[in-house]
Every structure is written in structure tokens, then in C-alpha cells.
Amino acid sequence: MSATNESQIVLVNEDREQIGIMDFSGPHLTFEGNAEVGAMVLMNELGKLLEERLKQERNKIRAECIEICKAHFGYQTDQVANEIQKRIEE
């Protein structure tokens, strides 16, 4: 995906061939191109963005848990990190 201007997104496949253009400039979203393939590309890109965002949130919460455990229980960072990692993987 790439933006051609502020109101358009160009969807491309793995070979960088244009599949379609989403246009947000009017009162309604419009799409010109191969809708079926375009939908798959869009969903794959959104999935990647969501996965990255979830990783960021998990790491943020993990860091907060480590700090809380260190402050309240006197654990060392490695001990807490290992325990939290085990629980995340369960």
C-alpha cells in the first residue's frame, strides 16, 4: 500500500503491480480496480499493522509488570522477565 495523495491509497501486490486505488476524497469511499484481490491485500496489510501494534502493547505491559514486581517483591529483572515470559507462552 502507498499513498498517492492525502485522500488516496494505492494497493499493490507482491510484484509491486497496482491492484487498485481507494479514494477517500468524496463523501463516500470509492475503489477502482480488482476488488477481490484488493480486499485480500488490504486485509493482509491491516493484519500486519495490528500484529505489530499488539507486540508493542505486549512489550509495554511486560515492562510495566517487571517494574511492579521489582518494586513490590524485590525480584531482579532477569527473574521477573523469565517468569513473565513463561506465563505469556502458556
Protein backbone atom coordinates (compact mmCIF):
# COMPACT_ATOMS: atom_id res chain seq x y z
CA MET A 1 0.00 0.00 0.00
CA SER A 2 1.14 3.51 -0.68
CA ALA A 3 -0.46 6.93 -0.71
CA THR A 4 -0.71 8.88 -3.95
CA ASN A 5 -2.03 11.91 -2.10
CA GLU A 6 -3.75 12.60 1.20
CA SER A 7 -7.04 11.07 0.09
CA GLN A 8 -5.92 8.02 -1.92
CA ILE A 9 -4.27 4.71 -1.13
CA VAL A 10 -2.81 2.57 -3.92
CA LEU A 11 -2.96 -1.19 -3.31
CA VAL A 12 -0.18 -3.24 -4.91
CA ASN A 13 0.65 -6.95 -4.92
CA GLU A 14 3.95 -8.63 -4.01
CA ASP A 15 5.28 -7.84 -7.50
CA ARG A 16 4.52 -4.13 -6.91
CA GLU A 17 1.81 -4.20 -9.59
CA GLN A 18 -1.10 -1.87 -8.95
CA ILE A 19 -4.29 -3.69 -7.96
CA GLY A 20 -6.49 -0.71 -7.26
CA ILE A 21 -6.94 2.70 -5.72
CA MET A 22 -9.01 3.55 -2.64
CA ASP A 23 -10.18 7.16 -2.76
CA PHE A 24 -11.43 9.00 0.34
CA SER A 25 -11.81 12.43 -1.28
CA GLY A 26 -15.57 12.34 -1.86
CA PRO A 27 -18.47 11.86 0.52
CA HIS A 28 -18.04 8.07 0.19
CA LEU A 29 -15.08 5.73 -0.08
CA THR A 30 -14.58 4.57 -3.66
CA PHE A 31 -12.41 1.80 -5.05
CA GLU A 32 -11.28 1.30 -8.62
CA GLY A 33 -9.53 -1.95 -9.53
CA ASN A 34 -9.71 -5.64 -8.70
CA ALA A 35 -11.90 -5.62 -5.59
CA GLU A 36 -11.34 -9.27 -4.63
CA VAL A 37 -7.55 -9.11 -4.79
CA GLY A 38 -7.56 -5.59 -3.37
CA ALA A 39 -9.54 -6.74 -0.34
CA MET A 40 -7.02 -9.51 0.34
CA VAL A 41 -4.08 -7.11 0.07
CA LEU A 42 -5.81 -4.62 2.37
CA MET A 43 -6.65 -7.27 4.96
CA ASN A 44 -3.08 -8.64 4.89
CA GLU A 45 -1.65 -5.15 5.43
CA LEU A 46 -4.11 -4.41 8.24
CA GLY A 47 -3.20 -7.74 9.82
CA LYS A 48 0.49 -6.82 9.78
CA LEU A 49 -0.24 -3.43 11.36
CA LEU A 50 -2.40 -4.98 14.07
CA GLU A 51 0.18 -7.67 14.80
CA GLU A 52 2.90 -5.06 15.23
CA ARG A 53 0.65 -2.93 17.44
CA LEU A 54 -0.18 -5.92 19.64
CA LYS A 55 3.53 -6.72 20.01
CA GLN A 56 4.18 -3.14 21.11
CA GLU A 57 1.38 -3.28 23.67
CA ARG A 58 2.54 -6.67 24.98
CA ASN A 59 6.09 -5.39 25.41
CA LYS A 60 4.83 -2.25 27.16
CA ILE A 61 2.71 -4.27 29.58
CA ARG A 62 5.56 -6.74 30.13
CA ALA A 63 7.90 -3.88 31.06
CA GLU A 64 5.29 -2.46 33.45
CA CYS A 65 4.84 -5.87 35.08
CA ILE A 66 8.58 -6.22 35.56
CA GLU A 67 8.79 -2.81 37.23
CA ILE A 68 5.84 -3.57 39.53
CA CYS A 69 7.31 -6.92 40.54
CA LYS A 70 10.72 -5.40 41.16
CA ALA A 71 9.23 -2.62 43.28
CA HIS A 72 6.83 -4.75 45.33
CA PHE A 73 8.56 -8.10 45.58
CA GLY A 74 12.24 -7.26 45.23
CA TYR A 75 12.76 -9.53 42.22
CA GLN A 76 15.66 -8.99 39.93
CA THR A 77 14.90 -8.07 36.33
CA ASP A 78 16.01 -11.40 34.83
CA GLN A 79 13.96 -13.44 37.31
CA VAL A 80 10.82 -11.43 36.61
CA ALA A 81 11.35 -11.37 32.86
CA ASN A 82 11.80 -15.14 32.74
CA GLU A 83 8.71 -15.79 34.85
CA ILE A 84 6.55 -13.39 32.83
CA GLN A 85 7.80 -14.87 29.56
CA LYS A 86 6.88 -18.38 30.74
CA ARG A 87 3.37 -17.21 31.61
CA ILE A 88 2.93 -15.41 28.28
CA GLU A 89 3.89 -18.58 26.39
CA GLU A 90 1.45 -20.81 28.35
